[in-house]
Amino acid sequence: MSQYPPQPPYSQPSYPPPQPPYPPQALPYGYGYTAPNARPASVIVMSIIGIIFAAMRILCTPLGLVPFFTPMPPNPVIDTFRNDPMLLGFLVIAGVLTCGLGVVLLIGCIGSLLLKRWARKLLVGYAIAQIAVEVISAVIQLAVAMPKVSAALGSGPQASQAIGGMIGGTVGGLVALVIPILLLFFMTRPHVIAAFESAASR
């Protein structure tokens, strides 16, 4: 009887079959990346508010000066300012400073949306200057302008109404200090400074 020659042992295949070594795949560009200089929310909000506030200052301040330099019906308050060179000069200087600071605020807010380093410094300087102008204006209004207007009008309902309007305007100017105070606060926060510096170093 013939015998089959011995067969070599068959190895069992392994599953899964071994894979050849592939080089590591590169991740898509930008995968898992977070920009270190992303704009803080406070910068975005304050910049938008600042742009609106600046536009109002630039447009409305010259219109507020028009009655003092154009023919108008008799008005005791306006006439008092017209006839007093000191009060009229104060009014003009305050108006020019307000418009100029409005332009500075507008430029600074637009630059801060782009995280320009100079824009943050500009807004800090604007805030300090605006606070000083508003405080000085309020002091002059209460200590100089109101007594002169009161003396010119005497006593009566018209005088009370005029003084009340001037007090309201002064209080409104002081309330407007909220914006420069908030700008000064947020633009000096460490994380805001870091965001501007990071953008500048790119």
N, C-alpha and C. Protein backbone atom coordinates (compact mmCIF):
# COMPACT_ATOMS: atom_id res chain seq x y z
N MET A 1 0.88 -1.19 0.00
CA MET A 1 0.00 0.00 0.00
C MET A 1 0.90 1.22 0.00
N SER A 2 0.52 2.14 -0.94
CA SER A 2 1.37 3.34 -1.05
C SER A 2 0.99 4.36 0.02
N GLN A 3 1.94 5.05 0.45
CA GLN A 3 1.74 6.08 1.47
C GLN A 3 1.96 7.44 0.81
N TYR A 4 1.05 8.37 1.21
CA TYR A 4 1.24 9.75 0.73
C TYR A 4 2.42 10.37 1.47
N PRO A 5 3.19 11.12 0.74
CA PRO A 5 4.33 11.75 1.47
C PRO A 5 3.78 12.72 2.53
N PRO A 6 4.52 12.86 3.56
CA PRO A 6 4.04 13.80 4.62
C PRO A 6 3.90 15.22 4.09
N GLN A 7 2.83 15.78 4.47
CA GLN A 7 2.54 17.16 4.04
C GLN A 7 3.05 18.16 5.09
N PRO A 8 3.56 19.32 4.61
CA PRO A 8 4.01 20.32 5.61
C PRO A 8 2.81 20.89 6.37
N PRO A 9 3.02 21.20 7.59
CA PRO A 9 1.88 21.74 8.37
C PRO A 9 1.45 23.11 7.81
N TYR A 10 0.15 23.27 7.74
CA TYR A 10 -0.40 24.52 7.25
C TYR A 10 -0.67 25.45 8.45
N SER A 11 -0.22 26.67 8.30
CA SER A 11 -0.45 27.65 9.40
C SER A 11 -1.81 28.30 9.22
N GLN A 12 -2.44 28.53 10.28
CA GLN A 12 -3.74 29.18 10.24
C GLN A 12 -3.56 30.69 10.00
N PRO A 13 -4.34 31.24 9.03
CA PRO A 13 -4.20 32.71 8.78
C PRO A 13 -4.64 33.52 10.00
N SER A 14 -3.97 34.59 10.22
CA SER A 14 -4.32 35.47 11.35
C SER A 14 -5.24 36.57 10.85
N TYR A 15 -6.21 36.88 11.61
CA TYR A 15 -7.17 37.93 11.28
C TYR A 15 -7.14 39.00 12.38
N PRO A 16 -7.13 40.24 12.03
CA PRO A 16 -7.00 40.73 10.65
C PRO A 16 -5.58 40.54 10.15
N PRO A 17 -5.43 40.47 8.85
CA PRO A 17 -4.07 40.26 8.33
C PRO A 17 -3.19 41.45 8.66
N PRO A 18 -1.93 41.22 8.83
CA PRO A 18 -1.03 42.33 9.17
C PRO A 18 -1.02 43.39 8.08
N GLN A 19 -1.02 44.62 8.52
CA GLN A 19 -1.03 45.75 7.60
C GLN A 19 0.38 46.29 7.43
N PRO A 20 0.68 46.70 6.22
CA PRO A 20 2.01 47.31 6.05
C PRO A 20 2.08 48.64 6.78
N PRO A 21 3.21 49.04 7.23
CA PRO A 21 3.33 50.31 7.99
C PRO A 21 3.11 51.51 7.08
N TYR A 22 1.98 52.18 7.31
CA TYR A 22 1.68 53.38 6.54
C TYR A 22 2.22 54.61 7.30
N PRO A 23 2.66 55.63 6.58
CA PRO A 23 3.10 56.86 7.27
C PRO A 23 1.90 57.55 7.92
N PRO A 24 2.11 58.22 9.03
CA PRO A 24 0.99 58.91 9.70
C PRO A 24 0.36 59.95 8.79
N GLN A 25 -0.96 60.01 8.86
CA GLN A 25 -1.70 60.95 8.03
C GLN A 25 -1.71 62.33 8.68
N ALA A 26 -1.51 63.35 7.88
CA ALA A 26 -1.54 64.72 8.40
C ALA A 26 -2.99 65.15 8.63
N LEU A 27 -3.22 65.86 9.73
CA LEU A 27 -4.56 66.36 10.03
C LEU A 27 -4.90 67.52 9.10
N PRO A 28 -6.18 67.72 8.84
CA PRO A 28 -6.56 68.87 7.99
C PRO A 28 -6.07 70.18 8.58
N TYR A 29 -5.81 71.13 7.71
CA TYR A 29 -5.29 72.43 8.15
C TYR A 29 -6.30 73.09 9.08
N GLY A 30 -5.82 73.53 10.23
CA GLY A 30 -6.69 74.21 11.17
C GLY A 30 -7.45 73.29 12.10
N TYR A 31 -7.25 71.97 11.98
CA TYR A 31 -8.00 71.03 12.83
C TYR A 31 -7.60 71.21 14.29
N GLY A 32 -8.59 71.42 15.13
CA GLY A 32 -8.34 71.56 16.56
C GLY A 32 -7.62 72.83 16.94
N TYR A 33 -7.60 73.83 16.07
CA TYR A 33 -6.85 75.06 16.35
C TYR A 33 -7.79 76.16 16.81
N THR A 34 -7.41 76.81 17.85
CA THR A 34 -8.17 77.95 18.34
C THR A 34 -7.26 79.17 18.31
N ALA A 35 -7.70 80.19 17.64
CA ALA A 35 -6.87 81.38 17.52
C ALA A 35 -6.61 81.99 18.87
N PRO A 36 -5.36 82.23 19.24
CA PRO A 36 -5.08 82.79 20.55
C PRO A 36 -5.49 84.25 20.67
N ASN A 37 -5.72 84.93 19.56
CA ASN A 37 -6.02 86.34 19.61
C ASN A 37 -7.47 86.63 19.24
N ALA A 38 -8.38 85.69 19.53
CA ALA A 38 -9.79 85.90 19.25
C ALA A 38 -10.27 87.13 20.02
N ARG A 39 -11.15 87.91 19.39
CA ARG A 39 -11.63 89.13 20.03
C ARG A 39 -12.48 88.80 21.25
N PRO A 40 -12.16 89.36 22.41
CA PRO A 40 -13.04 89.17 23.57
C PRO A 40 -14.41 89.79 23.32
N ALA A 41 -15.42 89.21 23.93
CA ALA A 41 -16.78 89.71 23.74
C ALA A 41 -16.92 91.16 24.19
N SER A 42 -16.21 91.52 25.26
CA SER A 42 -16.30 92.89 25.77
C SER A 42 -15.78 93.89 24.75
N VAL A 43 -14.75 93.51 23.98
CA VAL A 43 -14.20 94.39 22.96
C VAL A 43 -15.22 94.61 21.85
N ILE A 44 -15.88 93.53 21.43
CA ILE A 44 -16.88 93.64 20.36
C ILE A 44 -18.04 94.52 20.80
N VAL A 45 -18.57 94.25 21.99
CA VAL A 45 -19.75 95.00 22.47
C VAL A 45 -19.42 96.47 22.66
N MET A 46 -18.30 96.77 23.33
CA MET A 46 -17.95 98.16 23.60
C MET A 46 -17.60 98.89 22.32
N SER A 47 -17.02 98.21 21.35
CA SER A 47 -16.69 98.87 20.09
C SER A 47 -17.95 99.25 19.32
N ILE A 48 -18.93 98.36 19.29
CA ILE A 48 -20.18 98.66 18.59
C ILE A 48 -20.91 99.81 19.27
N ILE A 49 -21.00 99.76 20.60
CA ILE A 49 -21.65 100.86 21.33
C ILE A 49 -20.88 102.16 21.10
N GLY A 50 -19.56 102.09 21.12
CA GLY A 50 -18.75 103.28 20.92
C GLY A 50 -18.94 103.89 19.55
N ILE A 51 -19.08 103.06 18.51
CA ILE A 51 -19.30 103.58 17.16
C ILE A 51 -20.63 104.33 17.09
N ILE A 52 -21.67 103.75 17.69
CA ILE A 52 -22.99 104.42 17.68
C ILE A 52 -22.92 105.74 18.46
N PHE A 53 -22.29 105.70 19.62
CA PHE A 53 -22.19 106.90 20.47
C PHE A 53 -21.37 107.98 19.77
N ALA A 54 -20.28 107.58 19.12
CA ALA A 54 -19.43 108.54 18.42
C ALA A 54 -20.19 109.19 17.27
N ALA A 55 -20.95 108.40 16.51
CA ALA A 55 -21.73 108.96 15.40
C ALA A 55 -22.75 109.98 15.90
N MET A 56 -23.38 109.70 17.03
CA MET A 56 -24.34 110.65 17.60
C MET A 56 -23.65 111.95 18.01
N ARG A 57 -22.48 111.82 18.63
CA ARG A 57 -21.75 113.01 19.06
C ARG A 57 -21.32 113.86 17.86
N ILE A 58 -20.80 113.21 16.84
CA ILE A 58 -20.29 113.93 15.67
C ILE A 58 -21.42 114.65 14.93
N LEU A 59 -22.57 114.00 14.83
CA LEU A 59 -23.68 114.57 14.06
C LEU A 59 -24.51 115.58 14.86
N CYS A 60 -24.73 115.30 16.14
CA CYS A 60 -25.66 116.11 16.92
C CYS A 60 -25.02 117.35 17.53
N THR A 61 -23.75 117.29 17.87
CA THR A 61 -23.12 118.44 18.54
C THR A 61 -23.13 119.70 17.67
N PRO A 62 -22.76 119.64 16.38
CA PRO A 62 -22.84 120.86 15.57
C PRO A 62 -24.27 121.39 15.45
N LEU A 63 -25.25 120.49 15.39
CA LEU A 63 -26.64 120.95 15.31
C LEU A 63 -27.06 121.68 16.58
N GLY A 64 -26.51 121.26 17.72
CA GLY A 64 -26.83 121.93 18.96
C GLY A 64 -26.26 123.34 19.05
N LEU A 65 -25.21 123.63 18.27
CA LEU A 65 -24.61 124.96 18.28
C LEU A 65 -25.27 125.92 17.30
N VAL A 66 -26.06 125.39 16.38
CA VAL A 66 -26.65 126.23 15.34
C VAL A 66 -27.49 127.37 15.92
N PRO A 67 -28.37 127.14 16.91
CA PRO A 67 -29.20 128.24 17.41
C PRO A 67 -28.41 129.43 17.98
N PHE A 68 -27.19 129.19 18.40
CA PHE A 68 -26.40 130.26 19.00
C PHE A 68 -25.72 131.15 17.96
N PHE A 69 -25.76 130.75 16.70
CA PHE A 69 -25.06 131.51 15.66
C PHE A 69 -25.94 131.83 14.46
N THR A 70 -27.21 131.56 14.56
CA THR A 70 -28.14 131.88 13.47
C THR A 70 -29.29 132.71 14.03
N PRO A 71 -29.91 133.54 13.20
CA PRO A 71 -31.05 134.33 13.68
C PRO A 71 -32.17 133.43 14.20
N MET A 72 -32.60 133.71 15.41
CA MET A 72 -33.64 132.91 16.04
C MET A 72 -34.62 133.85 16.75
N PRO A 73 -35.84 133.40 17.01
CA PRO A 73 -36.74 134.19 17.85
C PRO A 73 -36.11 134.44 19.21
N PRO A 74 -36.51 135.51 19.89
CA PRO A 74 -35.91 135.82 21.20
C PRO A 74 -36.00 134.63 22.16
N ASN A 75 -34.86 134.33 22.76
CA ASN A 75 -34.78 133.26 23.75
C ASN A 75 -33.83 133.72 24.84
N PRO A 76 -34.33 133.88 26.07
CA PRO A 76 -33.46 134.43 27.13
C PRO A 76 -32.18 133.62 27.37
N VAL A 77 -32.28 132.31 27.32
CA VAL A 77 -31.10 131.49 27.60
C VAL A 77 -30.08 131.65 26.47
N ILE A 78 -30.53 131.52 25.22
CA ILE A 78 -29.62 131.66 24.09
C ILE A 78 -29.04 133.07 24.03
N ASP A 79 -29.88 134.06 24.30
CA ASP A 79 -29.40 135.45 24.28
C ASP A 79 -28.35 135.69 25.36
N THR A 80 -28.52 135.05 26.52
CA THR A 80 -27.53 135.20 27.59
C THR A 80 -26.17 134.67 27.15
N PHE A 81 -26.16 133.54 26.49
CA PHE A 81 -24.90 132.98 25.99
C PHE A 81 -24.32 133.84 24.88
N ARG A 82 -25.18 134.34 23.99
CA ARG A 82 -24.70 135.17 22.89
C ARG A 82 -24.05 136.45 23.39
N ASN A 83 -24.60 137.02 24.43
CA ASN A 83 -24.13 138.33 24.91
C ASN A 83 -22.97 138.22 25.88
N ASP A 84 -22.57 137.01 26.23
CA ASP A 84 -21.45 136.82 27.16
C ASP A 84 -20.33 136.10 26.42
N PRO A 85 -19.23 136.82 26.07
CA PRO A 85 -18.14 136.18 25.32
C PRO A 85 -17.56 134.96 26.03
N MET A 86 -17.52 135.00 27.36
CA MET A 86 -16.95 133.87 28.09
C MET A 86 -17.82 132.62 27.94
N LEU A 87 -19.13 132.78 28.12
CA LEU A 87 -20.03 131.64 27.98
C LEU A 87 -20.06 131.13 26.55
N LEU A 88 -20.05 132.06 25.59
CA LEU A 88 -20.09 131.64 24.19
C LEU A 88 -18.80 130.91 23.82
N GLY A 89 -17.66 131.42 24.31
CA GLY A 89 -16.39 130.74 24.05
C GLY A 89 -16.36 129.35 24.67
N PHE A 90 -16.88 129.25 25.89
CA PHE A 90 -16.95 127.94 26.55
C PHE A 90 -17.80 126.98 25.74
N LEU A 91 -18.91 127.48 25.21
CA LEU A 91 -19.81 126.64 24.42
C LEU A 91 -19.12 126.14 23.16
N VAL A 92 -18.41 127.02 22.48
CA VAL A 92 -17.73 126.63 21.24
C VAL A 92 -16.61 125.63 21.53
N ILE A 93 -15.80 125.92 22.55
CA ILE A 93 -14.70 125.01 22.88
C ILE A 93 -15.23 123.63 23.26
N ALA A 94 -16.28 123.60 24.08
CA ALA A 94 -16.87 122.32 24.47
C ALA A 94 -17.39 121.56 23.26
N GLY A 95 -18.01 122.29 22.32
CA GLY A 95 -18.53 121.63 21.11
C GLY A 95 -17.42 121.07 20.24
N VAL A 96 -16.35 121.84 20.07
CA VAL A 96 -15.22 121.37 19.25
C VAL A 96 -14.56 120.15 19.89
N LEU A 97 -14.37 120.20 21.22
CA LEU A 97 -13.77 119.06 21.91
C LEU A 97 -14.66 117.82 21.82
N THR A 98 -15.96 118.02 21.94
CA THR A 98 -16.89 116.89 21.86
C THR A 98 -16.84 116.24 20.49
N CYS A 99 -16.85 117.05 19.44
CA CYS A 99 -16.76 116.49 18.07
C CYS A 99 -15.42 115.81 17.85
N GLY A 100 -14.34 116.46 18.29
CA GLY A 100 -13.02 115.87 18.10
C GLY A 100 -12.87 114.55 18.82
N LEU A 101 -13.37 114.49 20.06
CA LEU A 101 -13.28 113.24 20.80
C LEU A 101 -14.21 112.18 20.19
N GLY A 102 -15.30 112.63 19.57
CA GLY A 102 -16.15 111.67 18.87
C GLY A 102 -15.44 111.01 17.70
N VAL A 103 -14.65 111.80 16.97
CA VAL A 103 -13.87 111.24 15.86
C VAL A 103 -12.82 110.26 16.40
N VAL A 104 -12.17 110.63 17.50
CA VAL A 104 -11.18 109.74 18.11
C VAL A 104 -11.84 108.43 18.54
N LEU A 105 -13.02 108.54 19.15
CA LEU A 105 -13.73 107.34 19.59
C LEU A 105 -14.10 106.45 18.40
N LEU A 106 -14.57 107.06 17.32
CA LEU A 106 -14.96 106.30 16.14
C LEU A 106 -13.77 105.53 15.56
N ILE A 107 -12.64 106.22 15.41
CA ILE A 107 -11.44 105.57 14.86
C ILE A 107 -10.96 104.46 15.79
N GLY A 108 -10.95 104.75 17.09
CA GLY A 108 -10.48 103.75 18.04
C GLY A 108 -11.35 102.51 18.07
N CYS A 109 -12.67 102.68 17.98
CA CYS A 109 -13.58 101.52 18.01
C CYS A 109 -13.43 100.67 16.76
N ILE A 110 -13.29 101.31 15.60
CA ILE A 110 -13.09 100.54 14.37
C ILE A 110 -11.77 99.78 14.44
N GLY A 111 -10.73 100.44 14.92
CA GLY A 111 -9.44 99.75 15.05
C GLY A 111 -9.46 98.62 16.07
N SER A 112 -10.25 98.79 17.14
CA SER A 112 -10.30 97.75 18.17
C SER A 112 -11.02 96.50 17.66
N LEU A 113 -11.97 96.66 16.75
CA LEU A 113 -12.60 95.48 16.15
C LEU A 113 -11.59 94.67 15.35
N LEU A 114 -10.54 95.31 14.88
CA LEU A 114 -9.45 94.63 14.16
C LEU A 114 -8.30 94.26 15.09
N LEU A 115 -8.48 94.52 16.39
CA LEU A 115 -7.46 94.23 17.40
C LEU A 115 -6.13 94.90 17.11
N LYS A 116 -6.21 96.16 16.70
CA LYS A 116 -4.99 96.94 16.50
C LYS A 116 -4.50 97.46 17.86
N ARG A 117 -3.21 97.29 18.09
CA ARG A 117 -2.66 97.70 19.39
C ARG A 117 -2.87 99.19 19.65
N TRP A 118 -2.67 100.01 18.63
CA TRP A 118 -2.81 101.45 18.80
C TRP A 118 -4.25 101.83 19.13
N ALA A 119 -5.22 101.02 18.68
CA ALA A 119 -6.62 101.34 18.93
C ALA A 119 -6.96 101.22 20.41
N ARG A 120 -6.43 100.22 21.07
CA ARG A 120 -6.69 100.08 22.51
C ARG A 120 -6.11 101.27 23.28
N LYS A 121 -4.89 101.66 22.93
CA LYS A 121 -4.28 102.81 23.60
C LYS A 121 -5.06 104.09 23.30
N LEU A 122 -5.55 104.20 22.07
CA LEU A 122 -6.33 105.38 21.69
C LEU A 122 -7.62 105.46 22.49
N LEU A 123 -8.28 104.33 22.71
CA LEU A 123 -9.52 104.32 23.47
C LEU A 123 -9.28 104.63 24.94
N VAL A 124 -8.17 104.16 25.48
CA VAL A 124 -7.84 104.50 26.87
C VAL A 124 -7.61 106.00 27.00
N GLY A 125 -6.85 106.58 26.04
CA GLY A 125 -6.64 108.03 26.07
C GLY A 125 -7.93 108.80 25.88
N TYR A 126 -8.79 108.31 24.98
CA TYR A 126 -10.09 108.96 24.77
C TYR A 126 -10.90 108.96 26.06
N ALA A 127 -10.96 107.83 26.74
CA ALA A 127 -11.77 107.72 27.95
C ALA A 127 -11.31 108.72 29.01
N ILE A 128 -10.00 108.83 29.20
CA ILE A 128 -9.48 109.77 30.21
C ILE A 128 -9.82 111.21 29.81
N ALA A 129 -9.61 111.56 28.53
CA ALA A 129 -9.90 112.92 28.07
C ALA A 129 -11.39 113.24 28.16
N GLN A 130 -12.25 112.27 27.78
CA GLN A 130 -13.69 112.52 27.81
C GLN A 130 -14.19 112.72 29.23
N ILE A 131 -13.68 111.94 30.17
CA ILE A 131 -14.07 112.11 31.57
C ILE A 131 -13.68 113.50 32.06
N ALA A 132 -12.46 113.94 31.73
CA ALA A 132 -12.00 115.25 32.15
C ALA A 132 -12.85 116.36 31.54
N VAL A 133 -13.17 116.26 30.25
CA VAL A 133 -13.98 117.29 29.58
C VAL A 133 -15.38 117.37 30.19
N GLU A 134 -16.00 116.22 30.43
CA GLU A 134 -17.35 116.23 30.98
C GLU A 134 -17.38 116.81 32.39
N VAL A 135 -16.40 116.47 33.22
CA VAL A 135 -16.37 116.98 34.59
C VAL A 135 -16.14 118.49 34.59
N ILE A 136 -15.19 118.97 33.77
CA ILE A 136 -14.93 120.40 33.70
C ILE A 136 -16.15 121.15 33.16
N SER A 137 -16.81 120.59 32.15
CA SER A 137 -18.00 121.22 31.59
C SER A 137 -19.11 121.31 32.62
N ALA A 138 -19.29 120.26 33.41
CA ALA A 138 -20.33 120.28 34.44
C ALA A 138 -20.04 121.34 35.49
N VAL A 139 -18.77 121.47 35.88
CA VAL A 139 -18.40 122.49 36.89
C VAL A 139 -18.66 123.89 36.35
N ILE A 140 -18.25 124.17 35.12
CA ILE A 140 -18.47 125.49 34.53
C ILE A 140 -19.96 125.76 34.36
N GLN A 141 -20.70 124.74 33.95
CA GLN A 141 -22.13 124.91 33.75
C GLN A 141 -22.84 125.27 35.06
N LEU A 142 -22.48 124.57 36.13
CA LEU A 142 -23.15 124.80 37.41
C LEU A 142 -22.64 126.04 38.12
N ALA A 143 -21.33 126.30 38.03
CA ALA A 143 -20.76 127.38 38.82
C ALA A 143 -20.76 128.73 38.10
N VAL A 144 -20.78 128.73 36.76
CA VAL A 144 -20.67 129.99 36.02
C VAL A 144 -21.91 130.26 35.18
N ALA A 145 -22.26 129.30 34.32
CA ALA A 145 -23.34 129.55 33.36
C ALA A 145 -24.69 129.70 34.04
N MET A 146 -25.02 128.81 34.95
CA MET A 146 -26.34 128.86 35.57
C MET A 146 -26.57 130.13 36.39
N PRO A 147 -25.61 130.59 37.21
CA PRO A 147 -25.83 131.86 37.91
C PRO A 147 -26.05 133.03 36.96
N LYS A 148 -25.32 133.08 35.82
CA LYS A 148 -25.50 134.18 34.88
C LYS A 148 -26.86 134.13 34.20
N VAL A 149 -27.27 132.94 33.83
CA VAL A 149 -28.60 132.80 33.21
C VAL A 149 -29.68 133.14 34.22
N SER A 150 -29.52 132.70 35.46
CA SER A 150 -30.50 133.00 36.50
C SER A 150 -30.60 134.50 36.75
N ALA A 151 -29.44 135.19 36.77
CA ALA A 151 -29.45 136.64 36.98
C ALA A 151 -30.09 137.35 35.80
N ALA A 152 -29.89 136.84 34.59
CA ALA A 152 -30.46 137.50 33.42
C ALA A 152 -31.97 137.31 33.33
N LEU A 153 -32.45 136.16 33.79
CA LEU A 153 -33.88 135.88 33.69
C LEU A 153 -34.67 136.36 34.90
N GLY A 154 -33.98 136.55 36.02
CA GLY A 154 -34.70 136.94 37.23
C GLY A 154 -35.46 135.75 37.80
N SER A 155 -36.59 136.01 38.40
CA SER A 155 -37.41 134.95 38.98
C SER A 155 -38.68 134.78 38.15
N GLY A 156 -39.26 133.62 38.27
CA GLY A 156 -40.47 133.35 37.51
C GLY A 156 -40.43 131.98 36.87
N PRO A 157 -41.54 131.58 36.27
CA PRO A 157 -41.61 130.24 35.66
C PRO A 157 -40.60 130.05 34.54
N GLN A 158 -40.35 131.11 33.77
CA GLN A 158 -39.41 130.99 32.65
C GLN A 158 -38.01 130.72 33.16
N ALA A 159 -37.64 131.40 34.24
CA ALA A 159 -36.31 131.18 34.80
C ALA A 159 -36.18 129.77 35.35
N SER A 160 -37.21 129.31 36.04
CA SER A 160 -37.17 127.96 36.61
C SER A 160 -37.07 126.91 35.50
N GLN A 161 -37.82 127.14 34.43
CA GLN A 161 -37.77 126.20 33.32
C GLN A 161 -36.39 126.17 32.67
N ALA A 162 -35.79 127.35 32.50
CA ALA A 162 -34.46 127.41 31.88
C ALA A 162 -33.41 126.75 32.76
N ILE A 163 -33.45 127.03 34.06
CA ILE A 163 -32.48 126.42 34.97
C ILE A 163 -32.67 124.91 35.02
N GLY A 164 -33.93 124.48 35.02
CA GLY A 164 -34.18 123.04 35.02
C GLY A 164 -33.63 122.37 33.78
N GLY A 165 -33.76 123.04 32.62
CA GLY A 165 -33.21 122.48 31.40
C GLY A 165 -31.70 122.38 31.44
N MET A 166 -31.05 123.40 32.01
CA MET A 166 -29.59 123.37 32.11
C MET A 166 -29.13 122.29 33.07
N ILE A 167 -29.87 122.11 34.17
CA ILE A 167 -29.50 121.04 35.11
C ILE A 167 -29.67 119.67 34.45
N GLY A 168 -30.77 119.53 33.69
CA GLY A 168 -30.98 118.26 32.98
C GLY A 168 -29.88 117.98 31.97
N GLY A 169 -29.43 119.02 31.26
CA GLY A 169 -28.34 118.83 30.31
C GLY A 169 -27.05 118.45 31.00
N THR A 170 -26.78 119.06 32.16
CA THR A 170 -25.57 118.73 32.91
C THR A 170 -25.61 117.29 33.41
N VAL A 171 -26.76 116.89 33.95
CA VAL A 171 -26.90 115.51 34.43
C VAL A 171 -26.76 114.52 33.27
N GLY A 172 -27.35 114.88 32.12
CA GLY A 172 -27.21 114.01 30.94
C GLY A 172 -25.76 113.83 30.51
N GLY A 173 -25.00 114.92 30.57
CA GLY A 173 -23.58 114.82 30.24
C GLY A 173 -22.83 113.91 31.20
N LEU A 174 -23.19 113.98 32.49
CA LEU A 174 -22.53 113.12 33.47
C LEU A 174 -22.94 111.67 33.29
N VAL A 175 -24.21 111.44 32.92
CA VAL A 175 -24.65 110.07 32.67
C VAL A 175 -23.90 109.48 31.47
N ALA A 176 -23.59 110.32 30.48
CA ALA A 176 -22.85 109.85 29.32
C ALA A 176 -21.44 109.40 29.68
N LEU A 177 -20.99 109.71 30.90
CA LEU A 177 -19.67 109.25 31.33
C LEU A 177 -19.62 107.74 31.50
N VAL A 178 -20.78 107.09 31.51
CA VAL A 178 -20.79 105.64 31.67
C VAL A 178 -19.97 104.97 30.56
N ILE A 179 -20.09 105.47 29.34
CA ILE A 179 -19.39 104.83 28.22
C ILE A 179 -17.87 104.96 28.35
N PRO A 180 -17.32 106.17 28.55
CA PRO A 180 -15.85 106.22 28.72
C PRO A 180 -15.35 105.47 29.94
N ILE A 181 -16.14 105.45 31.01
CA ILE A 181 -15.72 104.70 32.20
C ILE A 181 -15.66 103.21 31.89
N LEU A 182 -16.67 102.69 31.19
CA LEU A 182 -16.66 101.27 30.82
C LEU A 182 -15.52 100.96 29.86
N LEU A 183 -15.27 101.87 28.91
CA LEU A 183 -14.14 101.67 27.99
C LEU A 183 -12.82 101.60 28.76
N LEU A 184 -12.65 102.53 29.69
CA LEU A 184 -11.42 102.55 30.47
C LEU A 184 -11.27 101.26 31.27
N PHE A 185 -12.38 100.73 31.77
CA PHE A 185 -12.32 99.50 32.56
C PHE A 185 -11.98 98.30 31.69
N PHE A 186 -12.73 98.10 30.62
CA PHE A 186 -12.55 96.90 29.81
C PHE A 186 -11.24 96.92 29.03
N MET A 187 -10.83 98.08 28.54
CA MET A 187 -9.61 98.13 27.72
C MET A 187 -8.33 98.00 28.54
N THR A 188 -8.46 97.95 29.86
CA THR A 188 -7.28 97.74 30.71
C THR A 188 -7.32 96.38 31.39
N ARG A 189 -8.27 95.51 31.02
CA ARG A 189 -8.31 94.16 31.59
C ARG A 189 -7.16 93.32 31.02
N PRO A 190 -6.55 92.45 31.84
CA PRO A 190 -5.39 91.68 31.36
C PRO A 190 -5.69 90.83 30.13
N HIS A 191 -6.86 90.17 30.07
CA HIS A 191 -7.13 89.31 28.92
C HIS A 191 -7.36 90.12 27.65
N VAL A 192 -7.88 91.34 27.80
CA VAL A 192 -8.06 92.21 26.63
C VAL A 192 -6.70 92.69 26.12
N ILE A 193 -5.84 93.11 27.03
CA ILE A 193 -4.49 93.52 26.63
C ILE A 193 -3.76 92.37 25.94
N ALA A 194 -3.92 91.15 26.49
CA ALA A 194 -3.26 89.98 25.89
C ALA A 194 -3.77 89.72 24.47
N ALA A 195 -5.07 89.91 24.25
CA ALA A 195 -5.63 89.69 22.91
C ALA A 195 -5.05 90.68 21.90
N PHE A 196 -4.95 91.95 22.29
CA PHE A 196 -4.37 92.95 21.39
C PHE A 196 -2.89 92.67 21.14
N GLU A 197 -2.16 92.30 22.18
CA GLU A 197 -0.73 92.04 22.02
C GLU A 197 -0.50 90.79 21.15
N SER A 198 -1.34 89.79 21.33
CA SER A 198 -1.21 88.57 20.52
C SER A 198 -1.46 88.87 19.05
N ALA A 199 -2.47 89.71 18.77
CA ALA A 199 -2.75 90.07 17.38
C ALA A 199 -1.60 90.87 16.78
N ALA A 200 -0.98 91.72 17.58
CA ALA A 200 0.10 92.55 17.08
C ALA A 200 1.37 91.74 16.80
N SER A 201 1.54 90.60 17.49
CA SER A 201 2.76 89.82 17.35
C SER A 201 2.70 88.84 16.18
N ARG A 202 1.58 88.76 15.51
CA ARG A 202 1.47 87.82 14.37
C ARG A 202 2.31 88.30 13.19
